[in-house]
Protein backbone atom coordinates (compact mmCIF):
# COMPACT_ATOMS: atom_id res chain seq x y z
CA UNK A 1 -30.60 3.33 -39.34
CA UNK A 2 -28.80 0.03 -39.64
CA UNK A 3 -30.35 -3.23 -40.56
CA UNK A 4 -30.86 -5.84 -37.80
CA UNK A 5 -28.30 -8.61 -38.00
CA UNK A 6 -29.94 -12.03 -38.19
CA UNK A 7 -28.20 -14.72 -36.08
CA UNK A 8 -26.49 -17.36 -38.24
CA UNK A 9 -28.60 -20.19 -36.91
CA UNK A 10 -31.73 -18.18 -37.87
CA UNK A 11 -30.38 -17.58 -41.39
CA UNK A 12 -29.60 -21.31 -41.70
CA UNK A 13 -33.12 -22.17 -40.57
CA UNK A 14 -34.54 -19.79 -43.21
CA UNK A 15 -32.30 -21.47 -45.85
CA UNK A 16 -33.48 -24.97 -44.98
CA UNK A 17 -37.05 -23.80 -44.91
CA UNK A 18 -36.60 -22.53 -48.42
CA UNK A 19 -35.40 -26.04 -49.45
CA UNK A 20 -38.31 -27.53 -47.69
CA UNK A 21 -40.49 -28.39 -50.72
CA UNK A 22 -40.28 -31.61 -52.74
CA UNK A 23 -40.42 -29.79 -56.11
CA UNK A 24 -37.56 -27.56 -55.14
CA UNK A 25 -35.48 -30.52 -54.07
CA UNK A 26 -36.18 -32.27 -57.27
CA UNK A 27 -35.24 -29.25 -59.32
CA UNK A 28 -32.00 -29.04 -57.46
CA UNK A 29 -31.40 -32.77 -57.96
CA UNK A 30 -32.01 -32.45 -61.70
CA UNK A 31 -29.75 -29.42 -62.03
CA UNK A 32 -26.81 -31.19 -60.50
CA UNK A 33 -25.95 -32.66 -63.84
CA UNK A 34 -25.99 -29.19 -65.54
CA UNK A 35 -28.25 -26.49 -66.84
CA UNK A 36 -31.69 -27.52 -68.06
CA UNK A 37 -34.49 -25.67 -69.93
CA UNK A 38 -37.81 -25.24 -68.19
CA UNK A 39 -39.47 -27.63 -70.64
CA UNK A 40 -37.03 -30.48 -69.51
CA UNK A 41 -37.72 -29.70 -65.91
CA UNK A 42 -41.47 -29.83 -66.58
CA UNK A 43 -41.09 -33.23 -68.38
CA UNK A 44 -39.10 -34.68 -65.54
CA UNK A 45 -41.19 -33.39 -62.68
CA UNK A 46 -44.62 -33.65 -64.21
CA UNK A 47 -46.44 -30.73 -62.48
CA UNK A 48 -48.44 -27.77 -63.82
CA UNK A 49 -46.19 -25.16 -65.47
CA UNK A 50 -47.53 -22.48 -63.01
CA UNK A 51 -46.54 -24.59 -60.01
CA UNK A 52 -43.05 -25.19 -61.30
CA UNK A 53 -42.75 -21.55 -62.22
CA UNK A 54 -43.71 -20.62 -58.62
CA UNK A 55 -41.06 -23.02 -57.09
CA UNK A 56 -38.42 -21.85 -59.57
CA UNK A 57 -39.08 -18.27 -58.57
CA UNK A 58 -38.47 -19.18 -54.86
CA UNK A 59 -35.10 -20.74 -55.80
CA UNK A 60 -34.19 -17.81 -58.02
CA UNK A 61 -35.01 -15.26 -55.38
CA UNK A 62 -32.92 -17.09 -52.86
CA UNK A 63 -29.95 -17.00 -55.25
CA UNK A 64 -29.58 -20.81 -55.23
CA UNK A 65 -30.37 -21.10 -59.01
CA UNK A 66 -29.90 -18.67 -61.86
CA UNK A 67 -31.94 -18.28 -65.03
CA UNK A 68 -30.79 -17.17 -68.49
CA UNK A 69 -32.91 -16.72 -71.58
CA UNK A 70 -31.81 -18.31 -74.79
CA UNK A 71 -34.33 -17.03 -77.41
CA UNK A 72 -37.71 -18.21 -76.19
CA UNK A 73 -36.22 -20.70 -73.77
CA UNK A 74 -35.38 -20.08 -70.17
CA UNK A 75 -32.49 -22.26 -68.89
CA UNK A 76 -31.95 -22.86 -65.16
CA UNK A 77 -28.72 -23.83 -63.45
CA UNK A 78 -27.30 -24.07 -59.99
CA UNK A 79 -25.65 -20.94 -58.81
CA UNK A 80 -22.61 -22.82 -57.47
CA UNK A 81 -21.18 -26.32 -56.83
CA UNK A 82 -21.90 -26.10 -53.16
CA UNK A 83 -25.59 -26.83 -53.79
CA UNK A 84 -24.74 -29.96 -55.61
CA UNK A 85 -22.48 -31.01 -52.66
CA UNK A 86 -25.27 -30.20 -50.21
CA UNK A 87 -27.61 -32.56 -52.20
CA UNK A 88 -24.97 -35.27 -52.24
CA UNK A 89 -24.47 -34.83 -48.45
CA UNK A 90 -28.16 -35.10 -47.86
CA UNK A 91 -28.26 -38.34 -49.84
CA UNK A 92 -25.39 -39.76 -47.77
CA UNK A 93 -27.07 -38.70 -44.45
CA UNK A 94 -30.41 -40.24 -45.55
CA UNK A 95 -28.62 -43.45 -46.57
CA UNK A 96 -27.12 -43.85 -43.07
CA UNK A 97 -30.42 -42.98 -41.40
CA UNK A 98 -32.41 -45.43 -43.45
CA UNK A 99 -29.72 -48.12 -42.92
CA UNK A 100 -30.20 -47.56 -39.14
CA UNK A 101 -33.89 -47.97 -39.49
CA UNK A 102 -33.44 -51.12 -41.46
CA UNK A 103 -31.13 -52.50 -38.71
CA UNK A 104 -33.80 -51.67 -36.11
CA UNK A 105 -36.56 -53.28 -38.14
CA UNK A 106 -34.50 -56.49 -38.43
CA UNK A 107 -33.86 -56.48 -34.67
CA UNK A 108 -37.55 -56.12 -34.03
CA UNK A 109 -38.44 -58.92 -36.40
CA UNK A 110 -35.83 -61.13 -34.77
CA UNK A 111 -37.09 -60.39 -31.27
CA UNK A 112 -40.60 -61.01 -32.40
CA UNK A 113 -39.82 -64.42 -33.87
CA UNK A 114 -38.03 -65.44 -30.67
CA UNK A 115 -41.03 -64.62 -28.56
CA UNK A 116 -43.33 -66.62 -30.85
CA UNK A 117 -41.25 -69.73 -30.60
């Protein structure tokens, strides 16, 4: 019996759903600069260790991060450079979107001040 092939668009939706948590995004942002031990991730993110562990497990199961043990320390890193590029692309897209919103806000303020005069 063969496995059912998932359409690419569905696989992409699952991928983006997996990314859809603020802690996971923050972990990926922090790992862009290189591998980090869990204690450093905890210090930067400031959540309960169990919550971080749960989110790291999701990222690890998806294959987007890898974990290695160095003595008693677990170190996480991005599984590939494409993830860092995705985070940079998201930042560029958000910058354009927010700039567009700022332009719209300025237009609204300008129109409002003209009607008040």
